[in-house]
Amino acid sequence: MKNRNEKGRILKVRPFNMANFSGGSGYLVFSLIYQAMAILPAMIIIWFFSLIRLPKNDTGEIEQAKAGKRFYYISVPISVILIIIATVFAFVSNYGTFLEYGFEVILIALVPTVSAFFIIRKCHQKVVGGSNAFKMILVSFIGVFAVLAVTFVLCMFMIDPILTGLLD
């Protein structure tokens, strides 16, 4: 026997292939979520180790060349590891084949991490140049999560409908 409240219920309508994930690329969204969870601690590690005891010369000014080298020694390996992990998660969480959603897999795996590297590098250069460290760290976090949001919107509302329409 049905309850009165259940009688008039309708299912929620979800856009594109997210209704039942039958297209396979709906799972790629979770790769972005996993990547966001990986980028946050990586950014904290990069900022902490690149700003701790910045090298200074005899006059007390920060040596920009040494600070830049330290930043690259820390950030490049972490970024490469994040790209590898993101690519693996994108392949694992993709229900379809690589040929169908390969462009989207590569986009999700590369764009956020490469963008994070360049955003943090620019902010680090400003900190070494004399800007407020807290402000630049905050700007880098906002920038990286804005890139994640734009990547999500681009994949879900532009690339995914095109791929789903072409491959069906």
C-alpha atoms as a PDB file:
ATOM      1  CA  MET A   1       0.000   0.000   0.000  1.00  0.00           C
ATOM      2  CA  LYS A   2       1.420   3.372  -1.037  1.00  0.00           C
ATOM      3  CA  ASN A   3       1.657   6.281   1.248  1.00  0.00           C
ATOM      4  CA  ARG A   4      -0.041   9.526   0.157  1.00  0.00           C
ATOM      5  CA  ASN A   5       3.301  11.332   0.008  1.00  0.00           C
ATOM      6  CA  GLU A   6       4.847   8.704  -2.266  1.00  0.00           C
ATOM      7  CA  LYS A   7       2.022   8.824  -4.787  1.00  0.00           C
ATOM      8  CA  GLY A   8       2.905  12.195  -6.296  1.00  0.00           C
ATOM      9  CA  ARG A   9       6.705  11.875  -6.244  1.00  0.00           C
ATOM     10  CA  ILE A  10       8.703  12.201  -9.409  1.00  0.00           C
ATOM     11  CA  LEU A  11      12.316  11.406  -9.984  1.00  0.00           C
ATOM     12  CA  LYS A  12      14.846  14.192 -10.020  1.00  0.00           C
ATOM     13  CA  VAL A  13      16.062  15.073 -13.470  1.00  0.00           C
ATOM     14  CA  ARG A  14      19.834  15.189 -13.808  1.00  0.00           C
ATOM     15  CA  PRO A  15      21.641  16.596 -16.833  1.00  0.00           C
ATOM     16  CA  PHE A  16      23.279  14.597 -19.595  1.00  0.00           C
ATOM     17  CA  ASN A  17      24.607  11.158 -18.720  1.00  0.00           C
ATOM     18  CA  MET A  18      24.688  11.827 -14.966  1.00  0.00           C
ATOM     19  CA  ALA A  19      21.215  10.305 -14.581  1.00  0.00           C
ATOM     20  CA  ASN A  20      22.546   6.778 -14.488  1.00  0.00           C
ATOM     21  CA  PHE A  21      26.206   7.189 -15.469  1.00  0.00           C
ATOM     22  CA  SER A  22      25.533   4.975 -18.455  1.00  0.00           C
ATOM     23  CA  GLY A  23      27.810   7.016 -20.687  1.00  0.00           C
ATOM     24  CA  GLY A  24      30.829   6.207 -18.549  1.00  0.00           C
ATOM     25  CA  SER A  25      32.288   9.683 -18.440  1.00  0.00           C
ATOM     26  CA  GLY A  26      30.061  10.639 -15.521  1.00  0.00           C
ATOM     27  CA  TYR A  27      32.549   8.844 -13.322  1.00  0.00           C
ATOM     28  CA  LEU A  28      35.299  11.219 -14.448  1.00  0.00           C
ATOM     29  CA  VAL A  29      33.841  13.868 -12.165  1.00  0.00           C
ATOM     30  CA  PHE A  30      35.026  11.788  -9.243  1.00  0.00           C
ATOM     31  CA  SER A  31      38.565  12.042 -10.607  1.00  0.00           C
ATOM     32  CA  LEU A  32      38.338  15.800 -10.141  1.00  0.00           C
ATOM     33  CA  ILE A  33      37.114  15.302  -6.592  1.00  0.00           C
ATOM     34  CA  TYR A  34      40.005  12.936  -5.852  1.00  0.00           C
ATOM     35  CA  GLN A  35      42.418  15.357  -7.454  1.00  0.00           C
ATOM     36  CA  ALA A  36      41.126  18.234  -5.322  1.00  0.00           C
ATOM     37  CA  MET A  37      41.698  16.084  -2.239  1.00  0.00           C
ATOM     38  CA  ALA A  38      45.266  15.389  -3.420  1.00  0.00           C
ATOM     39  CA  ILE A  39      46.127  18.944  -4.496  1.00  0.00           C
ATOM     40  CA  LEU A  40      45.255  20.496  -1.125  1.00  0.00           C
ATOM     41  CA  PRO A  41      47.900  18.633   0.935  1.00  0.00           C
ATOM     42  CA  ALA A  42      50.392  18.938  -1.927  1.00  0.00           C
ATOM     43  CA  MET A  43      49.974  22.721  -1.945  1.00  0.00           C
ATOM     44  CA  ILE A  44      50.464  22.858   1.808  1.00  0.00           C
ATOM     45  CA  ILE A  45      53.655  20.797   1.522  1.00  0.00           C
ATOM     46  CA  ILE A  46      54.995  22.916  -1.352  1.00  0.00           C
ATOM     47  CA  TRP A  47      54.300  26.191   0.423  1.00  0.00           C
ATOM     48  CA  PHE A  48      55.653  25.004   3.772  1.00  0.00           C
ATOM     49  CA  PHE A  49      58.936  23.613   2.491  1.00  0.00           C
ATOM     50  CA  SER A  50      59.566  26.352  -0.065  1.00  0.00           C
ATOM     51  CA  LEU A  51      59.030  29.211   2.414  1.00  0.00           C
ATOM     52  CA  ILE A  52      60.693  27.781   5.498  1.00  0.00           C
ATOM     53  CA  ARG A  53      63.957  29.617   6.183  1.00  0.00           C
ATOM     54  CA  LEU A  54      64.265  31.392   2.851  1.00  0.00           C
ATOM     55  CA  PRO A  55      67.946  31.824   1.889  1.00  0.00           C
ATOM     56  CA  LYS A  56      69.189  35.346   2.602  1.00  0.00           C
ATOM     57  CA  ASN A  57      72.388  37.135   1.701  1.00  0.00           C
ATOM     58  CA  ASP A  58      74.632  39.150   4.046  1.00  0.00           C
ATOM     59  CA  THR A  59      72.415  42.235   3.884  1.00  0.00           C
ATOM     60  CA  GLY A  60      69.318  40.263   4.889  1.00  0.00           C
ATOM     61  CA  GLU A  61      67.643  40.267   1.477  1.00  0.00           C
ATOM     62  CA  ILE A  62      66.157  37.058   0.090  1.00  0.00           C
ATOM     63  CA  GLU A  63      68.287  35.422  -2.582  1.00  0.00           C
ATOM     64  CA  GLN A  64      65.765  34.942  -5.362  1.00  0.00           C
ATOM     65  CA  ALA A  65      67.820  32.428  -7.362  1.00  0.00           C
ATOM     66  CA  LYS A  66      68.298  30.059  -4.419  1.00  0.00           C
ATOM     67  CA  ALA A  67      64.665  30.435  -3.330  1.00  0.00           C
ATOM     68  CA  GLY A  68      63.559  29.649  -6.893  1.00  0.00           C
ATOM     69  CA  LYS A  69      65.767  26.552  -7.051  1.00  0.00           C
ATOM     70  CA  ARG A  70      64.379  25.297  -3.748  1.00  0.00           C
ATOM     71  CA  PHE A  71      60.840  25.844  -5.024  1.00  0.00           C
ATOM     72  CA  TYR A  72      61.559  23.792  -8.162  1.00  0.00           C
ATOM     73  CA  TYR A  73      63.246  21.010  -6.161  1.00  0.00           C
ATOM     74  CA  ILE A  74      60.116  20.670  -4.068  1.00  0.00           C
ATOM     75  CA  SER A  75      57.285  21.409  -6.492  1.00  0.00           C
ATOM     76  CA  VAL A  76      58.342  19.569  -9.655  1.00  0.00           C
ATOM     77  CA  PRO A  77      58.481  16.060  -8.103  1.00  0.00           C
ATOM     78  CA  ILE A  78      55.221  16.637  -6.229  1.00  0.00           C
ATOM     79  CA  SER A  79      53.516  17.896  -9.409  1.00  0.00           C
ATOM     80  CA  VAL A  80      54.750  14.915 -11.440  1.00  0.00           C
ATOM     81  CA  ILE A  81      53.505  12.500  -8.782  1.00  0.00           C
ATOM     82  CA  LEU A  82      50.113  14.274  -8.735  1.00  0.00           C
ATOM     83  CA  ILE A  83      49.845  14.046 -12.520  1.00  0.00           C
ATOM     84  CA  ILE A  84      50.595  10.313 -12.416  1.00  0.00           C
ATOM     85  CA  ILE A  85      48.082   9.728  -9.612  1.00  0.00           C
ATOM     86  CA  ALA A  86      45.432  11.848 -11.358  1.00  0.00           C
ATOM     87  CA  THR A  87      45.928   9.974 -14.624  1.00  0.00           C
ATOM     88  CA  VAL A  88      45.607   6.615 -12.878  1.00  0.00           C
ATOM     89  CA  PHE A  89      42.438   7.720 -11.076  1.00  0.00           C
ATOM     90  CA  ALA A  90      40.997   9.098 -14.313  1.00  0.00           C
ATOM     91  CA  PHE A  91      41.625   5.767 -16.076  1.00  0.00           C
ATOM     92  CA  VAL A  92      40.310   3.704 -13.161  1.00  0.00           C
ATOM     93  CA  SER A  93      37.176   5.786 -12.654  1.00  0.00           C
ATOM     94  CA  ASN A  94      36.360   5.929 -16.372  1.00  0.00           C
ATOM     95  CA  TYR A  95      33.688   3.384 -17.176  1.00  0.00           C
ATOM     96  CA  GLY A  96      34.013   3.829 -20.949  1.00  0.00           C
ATOM     97  CA  THR A  97      37.040   3.143 -23.089  1.00  0.00           C
ATOM     98  CA  PHE A  98      39.996   5.454 -23.450  1.00  0.00           C
ATOM     99  CA  LEU A  99      39.230   6.028 -27.117  1.00  0.00           C
ATOM    100  CA  GLU A 100      35.788   7.358 -26.253  1.00  0.00           C
ATOM    101  CA  TYR A 101      36.773   9.701 -23.454  1.00  0.00           C
ATOM    102  CA  GLY A 102      40.545  10.017 -23.872  1.00  0.00           C
ATOM    103  CA  PHE A 103      40.530  13.777 -24.351  1.00  0.00           C
ATOM    104  CA  GLU A 104      38.473  14.271 -21.208  1.00  0.00           C
ATOM    105  CA  VAL A 105      40.716  11.900 -19.220  1.00  0.00           C
ATOM    106  CA  ILE A 106      43.825  13.819 -20.292  1.00  0.00           C
ATOM    107  CA  LEU A 107      42.154  17.154 -19.572  1.00  0.00           C
ATOM    108  CA  ILE A 108      41.122  16.109 -16.067  1.00  0.00           C
ATOM    109  CA  ALA A 109      44.508  14.558 -15.328  1.00  0.00           C
ATOM    110  CA  LEU A 110      46.713  17.413 -16.549  1.00  0.00           C
ATOM    111  CA  VAL A 111      44.951  20.772 -16.344  1.00  0.00           C
ATOM    112  CA  PRO A 112      44.446  21.138 -12.557  1.00  0.00           C
ATOM    113  CA  THR A 113      47.934  19.981 -11.576  1.00  0.00           C
ATOM    114  CA  VAL A 114      49.814  21.895 -14.262  1.00  0.00           C
ATOM    115  CA  SER A 115      47.744  24.982 -13.500  1.00  0.00           C
ATOM    116  CA  ALA A 116      48.426  24.562  -9.771  1.00  0.00           C
ATOM    117  CA  PHE A 117      52.164  24.423 -10.461  1.00  0.00           C
ATOM    118  CA  PHE A 118      52.141  27.664 -12.460  1.00  0.00           C
ATOM    119  CA  ILE A 119      49.810  29.467 -10.032  1.00  0.00           C
ATOM    120  CA  ILE A 120      51.944  28.519  -7.031  1.00  0.00           C
ATOM    121  CA  ARG A 121      55.135  29.420  -8.929  1.00  0.00           C
ATOM    122  CA  LYS A 122      53.816  32.901  -9.746  1.00  0.00           C
ATOM    123  CA  CYS A 123      52.665  33.470  -6.161  1.00  0.00           C
ATOM    124  CA  HIS A 124      56.002  32.155  -4.816  1.00  0.00           C
ATOM    125  CA  GLN A 125      57.896  34.609  -7.021  1.00  0.00           C
ATOM    126  CA  LYS A 126      55.797  37.442  -5.602  1.00  0.00           C
ATOM    127  CA  VAL A 127      56.478  36.294  -2.031  1.00  0.00           C
ATOM    128  CA  VAL A 128      60.215  36.157  -2.721  1.00  0.00           C
ATOM    129  CA  GLY A 129      59.896  39.605  -4.289  1.00  0.00           C
ATOM    130  CA  GLY A 130      58.434  41.012  -1.069  1.00  0.00           C
ATOM    131  CA  SER A 131      54.662  40.449  -1.184  1.00  0.00           C
ATOM    132  CA  ASN A 132      52.684  39.237   1.813  1.00  0.00           C
ATOM    133  CA  ALA A 133      53.117  35.446   2.089  1.00  0.00           C
ATOM    134  CA  PHE A 134      49.682  34.799   3.617  1.00  0.00           C
ATOM    135  CA  LYS A 135      47.946  36.782   0.896  1.00  0.00           C
ATOM    136  CA  MET A 136      49.800  34.939  -1.888  1.00  0.00           C
ATOM    137  CA  ILE A 137      49.082  31.538  -0.328  1.00  0.00           C
ATOM    138  CA  LEU A 138      45.393  32.430  -0.156  1.00  0.00           C
ATOM    139  CA  VAL A 139      45.442  33.663  -3.773  1.00  0.00           C
ATOM    140  CA  SER A 140      47.061  30.391  -4.876  1.00  0.00           C
ATOM    141  CA  PHE A 141      44.435  28.263  -3.111  1.00  0.00           C
ATOM    142  CA  ILE A 142      41.588  30.299  -4.596  1.00  0.00           C
ATOM    143  CA  GLY A 143      43.196  30.136  -8.049  1.00  0.00           C
ATOM    144  CA  VAL A 144      43.720  26.375  -7.968  1.00  0.00           C
ATOM    145  CA  PHE A 145      40.181  25.652  -6.823  1.00  0.00           C
ATOM    146  CA  ALA A 146      38.846  28.050  -9.466  1.00  0.00           C
ATOM    147  CA  VAL A 147      40.737  26.012 -12.077  1.00  0.00           C
ATOM    148  CA  LEU A 148      39.188  22.814 -10.662  1.00  0.00           C
ATOM    149  CA  ALA A 149      35.717  24.376 -10.872  1.00  0.00           C
ATOM    150  CA  VAL A 150      36.258  25.587 -14.443  1.00  0.00           C
ATOM    151  CA  THR A 151      37.571  22.150 -15.450  1.00  0.00           C
ATOM    152  CA  PHE A 152      34.500  20.540 -13.892  1.00  0.00           C
ATOM    153  CA  VAL A 153      32.092  22.889 -15.671  1.00  0.00           C
ATOM    154  CA  LEU A 154      33.951  22.535 -18.962  1.00  0.00           C
ATOM    155  CA  CYS A 155      33.861  18.749 -18.793  1.00  0.00           C
ATOM    156  CA  MET A 156      30.269  18.368 -17.588  1.00  0.00           C
ATOM    157  CA  PHE A 157      28.527  20.976 -19.686  1.00  0.00           C
ATOM    158  CA  MET A 158      30.603  21.189 -22.853  1.00  0.00           C
ATOM    159  CA  ILE A 159      32.938  18.282 -23.567  1.00  0.00           C
ATOM    160  CA  ASP A 160      30.844  15.484 -22.063  1.00  0.00           C
ATOM    161  CA  PRO A 161      27.622  16.295 -23.985  1.00  0.00           C
ATOM    162  CA  ILE A 162      29.624  16.525 -27.207  1.00  0.00           C
ATOM    163  CA  LEU A 163      31.303  13.180 -26.602  1.00  0.00           C
ATOM    164  CA  THR A 164      28.066  11.547 -25.509  1.00  0.00           C
ATOM    165  CA  GLY A 165      26.270  12.864 -28.612  1.00  0.00           C
ATOM    166  CA  LEU A 166      29.037  11.772 -30.987  1.00  0.00           C
ATOM    167  CA  LEU A 167      29.464   8.309 -29.495  1.00  0.00           C
ATOM    168  CA  ASP A 168      25.829   7.303 -29.094  1.00  0.00           C
END
